[in-house]
Amino acid sequence: MESGKLRHSLAIQSATEVEGTIGNAQSVTWATITTVWGSVRPLSTKEVTNAQGIDSSTSHQITIRYYAGLTTKHRILFGSRVFNIMQIQNRNELNRTINIIASENV
């Protein structure tokens, strides 16, 4: 992976449930656990259609250097845009780069 292709600053965020007072529901807050460089690429309609097992709301492929512990419970913040992680693919199982299939919150 050429480092010049990883030109977007991305924040990986983790959710924390905050317990409300008596009678109030719990709320979820998101906190940035790390910032990484990556590339954000919109998927074409054909790629979304051909991707088996991926929800139709899937919209982007995000590539970052390997980050241990990343799960679909995390999300990615790109500027003011929020991406929910749908799938994580460790390219060639080499622990060098990760392809993330994500849907964007609109």
N, C-alpha and C. Protein backbone atom coordinates (compact mmCIF):
# COMPACT_ATOMS: atom_id res chain seq x y z
N MET A 1 0.85 -1.18 0.00
CA MET A 1 0.00 0.00 0.00
C MET A 1 0.89 1.23 0.00
N GLU A 2 0.70 2.08 -0.98
CA GLU A 2 1.45 3.32 -1.05
C GLU A 2 0.86 4.32 -0.06
N SER A 3 1.73 4.93 0.74
CA SER A 3 1.25 5.83 1.79
C SER A 3 0.53 7.04 1.22
N GLY A 4 0.85 7.46 -0.01
CA GLY A 4 0.18 8.61 -0.62
C GLY A 4 -1.29 8.38 -0.87
N LYS A 5 -1.70 7.12 -0.98
CA LYS A 5 -3.11 6.80 -1.20
C LYS A 5 -3.92 6.93 0.08
N LEU A 6 -3.26 6.90 1.22
CA LEU A 6 -3.94 7.04 2.51
C LEU A 6 -3.89 8.51 2.90
N ARG A 7 -4.76 9.30 2.28
CA ARG A 7 -4.67 10.76 2.43
C ARG A 7 -5.76 11.38 3.29
N HIS A 8 -6.68 10.56 3.79
CA HIS A 8 -7.76 11.09 4.61
C HIS A 8 -7.51 10.79 6.09
N SER A 9 -7.70 11.80 6.91
CA SER A 9 -7.58 11.61 8.36
C SER A 9 -8.92 11.09 8.87
N LEU A 10 -8.89 9.92 9.50
CA LEU A 10 -10.10 9.24 9.95
C LEU A 10 -10.02 8.98 11.45
N ALA A 11 -11.11 9.21 12.15
CA ALA A 11 -11.19 8.92 13.58
C ALA A 11 -11.97 7.64 13.78
N ILE A 12 -11.38 6.69 14.49
CA ILE A 12 -12.09 5.47 14.86
C ILE A 12 -12.71 5.72 16.22
N GLN A 13 -14.03 5.50 16.29
CA GLN A 13 -14.75 5.81 17.51
C GLN A 13 -15.39 4.56 18.11
N SER A 14 -15.52 4.60 19.43
CA SER A 14 -16.11 3.50 20.19
C SER A 14 -17.30 4.05 20.98
N ALA A 15 -18.35 3.26 21.09
CA ALA A 15 -19.56 3.69 21.81
C ALA A 15 -19.45 3.36 23.29
N THR A 16 -20.03 4.24 24.09
CA THR A 16 -20.14 4.03 25.52
C THR A 16 -21.57 4.34 25.92
N GLU A 17 -22.18 3.41 26.64
CA GLU A 17 -23.54 3.65 27.12
C GLU A 17 -23.47 4.41 28.43
N VAL A 18 -24.23 5.49 28.48
CA VAL A 18 -24.28 6.31 29.68
C VAL A 18 -25.64 6.07 30.33
N GLU A 19 -25.62 5.65 31.57
CA GLU A 19 -26.86 5.34 32.26
C GLU A 19 -27.54 6.62 32.68
N GLY A 20 -28.82 6.70 32.38
CA GLY A 20 -29.61 7.88 32.74
C GLY A 20 -30.03 7.84 34.20
N THR A 21 -30.64 8.93 34.63
CA THR A 21 -31.16 8.97 35.99
C THR A 21 -32.41 8.09 36.07
N ILE A 22 -32.94 7.95 37.22
CA ILE A 22 -34.11 7.07 37.41
C ILE A 22 -35.22 7.50 36.47
N GLY A 23 -35.70 6.54 35.70
CA GLY A 23 -36.78 6.82 34.75
C GLY A 23 -36.32 7.29 33.38
N ASN A 24 -35.06 7.62 33.26
CA ASN A 24 -34.55 8.06 31.96
C ASN A 24 -33.84 6.90 31.27
N ALA A 25 -33.95 6.87 29.95
CA ALA A 25 -33.30 5.81 29.16
C ALA A 25 -31.80 6.04 29.10
N GLN A 26 -31.09 4.95 28.80
CA GLN A 26 -29.65 5.06 28.60
C GLN A 26 -29.39 5.78 27.28
N SER A 27 -28.27 6.46 27.22
CA SER A 27 -27.89 7.10 25.96
C SER A 27 -26.51 6.60 25.56
N VAL A 28 -26.19 6.74 24.30
CA VAL A 28 -24.91 6.29 23.77
C VAL A 28 -24.09 7.51 23.39
N THR A 29 -22.85 7.53 23.86
CA THR A 29 -21.92 8.58 23.44
C THR A 29 -20.77 7.92 22.70
N TRP A 30 -20.20 8.64 21.76
CA TRP A 30 -19.08 8.13 20.96
C TRP A 30 -17.83 8.89 21.31
N ALA A 31 -16.74 8.16 21.49
CA ALA A 31 -15.45 8.77 21.80
C ALA A 31 -14.41 8.27 20.81
N THR A 32 -13.54 9.15 20.37
CA THR A 32 -12.47 8.78 19.46
C THR A 32 -11.41 8.02 20.23
N ILE A 33 -11.08 6.81 19.73
CA ILE A 33 -10.05 6.01 20.40
C ILE A 33 -8.70 6.14 19.69
N THR A 34 -8.73 6.47 18.40
CA THR A 34 -7.49 6.71 17.67
C THR A 34 -7.81 7.43 16.36
N THR A 35 -6.80 8.05 15.80
CA THR A 35 -6.92 8.67 14.48
C THR A 35 -5.92 7.99 13.56
N VAL A 36 -6.38 7.63 12.36
CA VAL A 36 -5.54 6.92 11.40
C VAL A 36 -5.66 7.60 10.04
N TRP A 37 -4.70 7.28 9.16
CA TRP A 37 -4.77 7.74 7.77
C TRP A 37 -5.37 6.63 6.94
N GLY A 38 -6.23 7.00 6.01
CA GLY A 38 -6.87 6.01 5.17
C GLY A 38 -7.39 6.61 3.88
N SER A 39 -8.02 5.78 3.09
CA SER A 39 -8.66 6.26 1.87
C SER A 39 -10.14 5.91 1.96
N VAL A 40 -10.96 6.83 1.49
CA VAL A 40 -12.41 6.65 1.47
C VAL A 40 -12.84 6.69 0.01
N ARG A 41 -13.46 5.60 -0.43
CA ARG A 41 -13.85 5.50 -1.84
C ARG A 41 -15.30 5.07 -1.93
N PRO A 42 -16.13 5.89 -2.62
CA PRO A 42 -17.51 5.46 -2.81
C PRO A 42 -17.56 4.23 -3.71
N LEU A 43 -18.45 3.30 -3.40
CA LEU A 43 -18.62 2.13 -4.23
C LEU A 43 -19.56 2.46 -5.38
N SER A 44 -19.29 1.89 -6.53
CA SER A 44 -20.19 2.09 -7.65
C SER A 44 -21.46 1.27 -7.43
N THR A 45 -22.50 1.59 -8.17
CA THR A 45 -23.75 0.84 -8.08
C THR A 45 -23.52 -0.62 -8.40
N LYS A 46 -22.67 -0.90 -9.38
CA LYS A 46 -22.38 -2.28 -9.77
C LYS A 46 -21.71 -3.03 -8.62
N GLU A 47 -20.74 -2.40 -7.95
CA GLU A 47 -20.06 -3.05 -6.83
C GLU A 47 -21.03 -3.36 -5.70
N VAL A 48 -21.94 -2.45 -5.43
CA VAL A 48 -22.92 -2.67 -4.37
C VAL A 48 -23.86 -3.80 -4.76
N THR A 49 -24.29 -3.82 -6.02
CA THR A 49 -25.20 -4.86 -6.50
C THR A 49 -24.54 -6.23 -6.48
N ASN A 50 -23.26 -6.31 -6.86
CA ASN A 50 -22.56 -7.58 -6.94
C ASN A 50 -22.06 -8.09 -5.60
N ALA A 51 -21.99 -7.24 -4.60
CA ALA A 51 -21.47 -7.65 -3.30
C ALA A 51 -22.52 -8.50 -2.58
N GLN A 52 -22.25 -9.77 -2.46
CA GLN A 52 -23.21 -10.67 -1.83
C GLN A 52 -23.16 -10.53 -0.32
N GLY A 53 -24.32 -10.52 0.28
CA GLY A 53 -24.40 -10.46 1.74
C GLY A 53 -24.17 -9.08 2.31
N ILE A 54 -24.08 -8.08 1.44
CA ILE A 54 -23.88 -6.72 1.93
C ILE A 54 -25.18 -5.96 1.76
N ASP A 55 -25.60 -5.27 2.78
CA ASP A 55 -26.83 -4.51 2.76
C ASP A 55 -26.79 -3.46 1.65
N SER A 56 -27.94 -3.15 1.09
CA SER A 56 -28.01 -2.19 -0.02
C SER A 56 -27.63 -0.78 0.40
N SER A 57 -27.59 -0.50 1.71
CA SER A 57 -27.19 0.82 2.16
C SER A 57 -25.67 1.00 2.18
N THR A 58 -24.94 -0.08 1.90
CA THR A 58 -23.49 0.00 1.85
C THR A 58 -23.08 1.01 0.80
N SER A 59 -22.18 1.90 1.15
CA SER A 59 -21.88 2.97 0.21
C SER A 59 -20.40 3.23 -0.03
N HIS A 60 -19.51 2.78 0.85
CA HIS A 60 -18.11 3.15 0.73
C HIS A 60 -17.17 2.00 1.11
N GLN A 61 -15.99 2.05 0.51
CA GLN A 61 -14.90 1.18 0.95
C GLN A 61 -13.84 2.08 1.55
N ILE A 62 -13.43 1.75 2.76
CA ILE A 62 -12.41 2.52 3.48
C ILE A 62 -11.22 1.60 3.68
N THR A 63 -10.04 2.07 3.34
CA THR A 63 -8.82 1.29 3.52
C THR A 63 -7.92 2.00 4.51
N ILE A 64 -7.45 1.24 5.51
CA ILE A 64 -6.52 1.77 6.51
C ILE A 64 -5.42 0.74 6.73
N ARG A 65 -4.35 1.17 7.39
CA ARG A 65 -3.34 0.20 7.82
C ARG A 65 -3.97 -0.68 8.89
N TYR A 66 -3.42 -1.86 9.07
CA TYR A 66 -3.97 -2.82 10.02
C TYR A 66 -4.11 -2.19 11.40
N TYR A 67 -5.26 -2.38 12.00
CA TYR A 67 -5.52 -1.89 13.35
C TYR A 67 -6.16 -3.03 14.14
N ALA A 68 -5.41 -3.61 15.06
CA ALA A 68 -5.90 -4.74 15.85
C ALA A 68 -7.07 -4.29 16.73
N GLY A 69 -8.07 -5.12 16.82
CA GLY A 69 -9.20 -4.83 17.70
C GLY A 69 -10.35 -4.10 17.04
N LEU A 70 -10.21 -3.73 15.79
CA LEU A 70 -11.29 -3.04 15.09
C LEU A 70 -12.44 -4.02 14.85
N THR A 71 -13.65 -3.61 15.21
CA THR A 71 -14.82 -4.47 15.03
C THR A 71 -15.95 -3.67 14.39
N THR A 72 -17.03 -4.36 14.08
CA THR A 72 -18.19 -3.69 13.50
C THR A 72 -18.95 -2.88 14.56
N LYS A 73 -18.53 -2.95 15.80
CA LYS A 73 -19.14 -2.12 16.85
C LYS A 73 -18.55 -0.71 16.86
N HIS A 74 -17.43 -0.52 16.17
CA HIS A 74 -16.83 0.80 16.04
C HIS A 74 -17.49 1.55 14.89
N ARG A 75 -17.18 2.82 14.78
CA ARG A 75 -17.58 3.60 13.62
C ARG A 75 -16.42 4.50 13.22
N ILE A 76 -16.52 5.06 12.02
CA ILE A 76 -15.44 5.91 11.51
C ILE A 76 -16.00 7.30 11.23
N LEU A 77 -15.29 8.29 11.72
CA LEU A 77 -15.65 9.68 11.50
C LEU A 77 -14.67 10.27 10.50
N PHE A 78 -15.20 10.84 9.42
CA PHE A 78 -14.40 11.46 8.37
C PHE A 78 -14.92 12.88 8.21
N GLY A 79 -14.23 13.83 8.86
CA GLY A 79 -14.75 15.20 8.92
C GLY A 79 -16.05 15.17 9.71
N SER A 80 -17.14 15.64 9.09
CA SER A 80 -18.44 15.60 9.75
C SER A 80 -19.26 14.39 9.33
N ARG A 81 -18.69 13.53 8.50
CA ARG A 81 -19.38 12.34 7.99
C ARG A 81 -19.14 11.15 8.91
N VAL A 82 -20.19 10.35 9.10
CA VAL A 82 -20.13 9.19 9.99
C VAL A 82 -20.38 7.93 9.18
N PHE A 83 -19.49 6.94 9.32
CA PHE A 83 -19.61 5.67 8.61
C PHE A 83 -19.75 4.53 9.61
N ASN A 84 -20.80 3.74 9.43
CA ASN A 84 -21.00 2.53 10.23
C ASN A 84 -20.27 1.39 9.54
N ILE A 85 -19.50 0.64 10.29
CA ILE A 85 -18.71 -0.47 9.73
C ILE A 85 -19.62 -1.69 9.56
N MET A 86 -19.68 -2.18 8.31
CA MET A 86 -20.50 -3.34 8.00
C MET A 86 -19.65 -4.62 7.94
N GLN A 87 -18.47 -4.51 7.32
CA GLN A 87 -17.55 -5.65 7.17
C GLN A 87 -16.12 -5.17 7.29
N ILE A 88 -15.27 -6.07 7.80
CA ILE A 88 -13.84 -5.78 7.90
C ILE A 88 -13.10 -6.93 7.22
N GLN A 89 -12.22 -6.58 6.29
CA GLN A 89 -11.47 -7.59 5.55
C GLN A 89 -9.98 -7.32 5.73
N ASN A 90 -9.29 -8.25 6.39
CA ASN A 90 -7.85 -8.18 6.56
C ASN A 90 -7.23 -8.67 5.25
N ARG A 91 -6.74 -7.73 4.43
CA ARG A 91 -6.27 -8.09 3.09
C ARG A 91 -5.18 -9.14 3.14
N ASN A 92 -5.45 -10.26 2.48
CA ASN A 92 -4.53 -11.39 2.37
C ASN A 92 -4.09 -11.94 3.73
N GLU A 93 -4.82 -11.61 4.79
CA GLU A 93 -4.50 -12.08 6.15
C GLU A 93 -3.06 -11.78 6.54
N LEU A 94 -2.54 -10.64 6.07
CA LEU A 94 -1.14 -10.28 6.35
C LEU A 94 -1.00 -9.25 7.48
N ASN A 95 -2.11 -8.78 8.03
CA ASN A 95 -2.08 -7.75 9.08
C ASN A 95 -1.32 -6.50 8.64
N ARG A 96 -1.52 -6.12 7.39
CA ARG A 96 -0.90 -4.89 6.87
C ARG A 96 -1.93 -3.82 6.56
N THR A 97 -2.98 -4.20 5.84
CA THR A 97 -4.05 -3.25 5.52
C THR A 97 -5.40 -3.91 5.75
N ILE A 98 -6.39 -3.07 5.98
CA ILE A 98 -7.75 -3.52 6.20
C ILE A 98 -8.66 -2.79 5.22
N ASN A 99 -9.52 -3.54 4.55
CA ASN A 99 -10.60 -2.95 3.76
C ASN A 99 -11.86 -3.01 4.59
N ILE A 100 -12.52 -1.88 4.68
CA ILE A 100 -13.73 -1.77 5.47
C ILE A 100 -14.88 -1.43 4.52
N ILE A 101 -15.94 -2.20 4.60
CA ILE A 101 -17.15 -1.89 3.86
C ILE A 101 -18.06 -1.18 4.85
N ALA A 102 -18.53 0.02 4.47
CA ALA A 102 -19.25 0.85 5.42
C ALA A 102 -20.45 1.52 4.78
N SER A 103 -21.41 1.86 5.63
CA SER A 103 -22.55 2.66 5.17
C SER A 103 -22.47 4.01 5.85
N GLU A 104 -22.86 5.02 5.12
CA GLU A 104 -22.77 6.38 5.64
C GLU A 104 -24.08 6.80 6.28
N ASN A 105 -23.99 7.38 7.48
CA ASN A 105 -25.18 7.97 8.12
C ASN A 105 -25.52 9.24 7.38
N VAL A 106 -26.75 9.37 6.98
CA VAL A 106 -27.16 10.57 6.24
C VAL A 106 -28.14 11.35 7.09
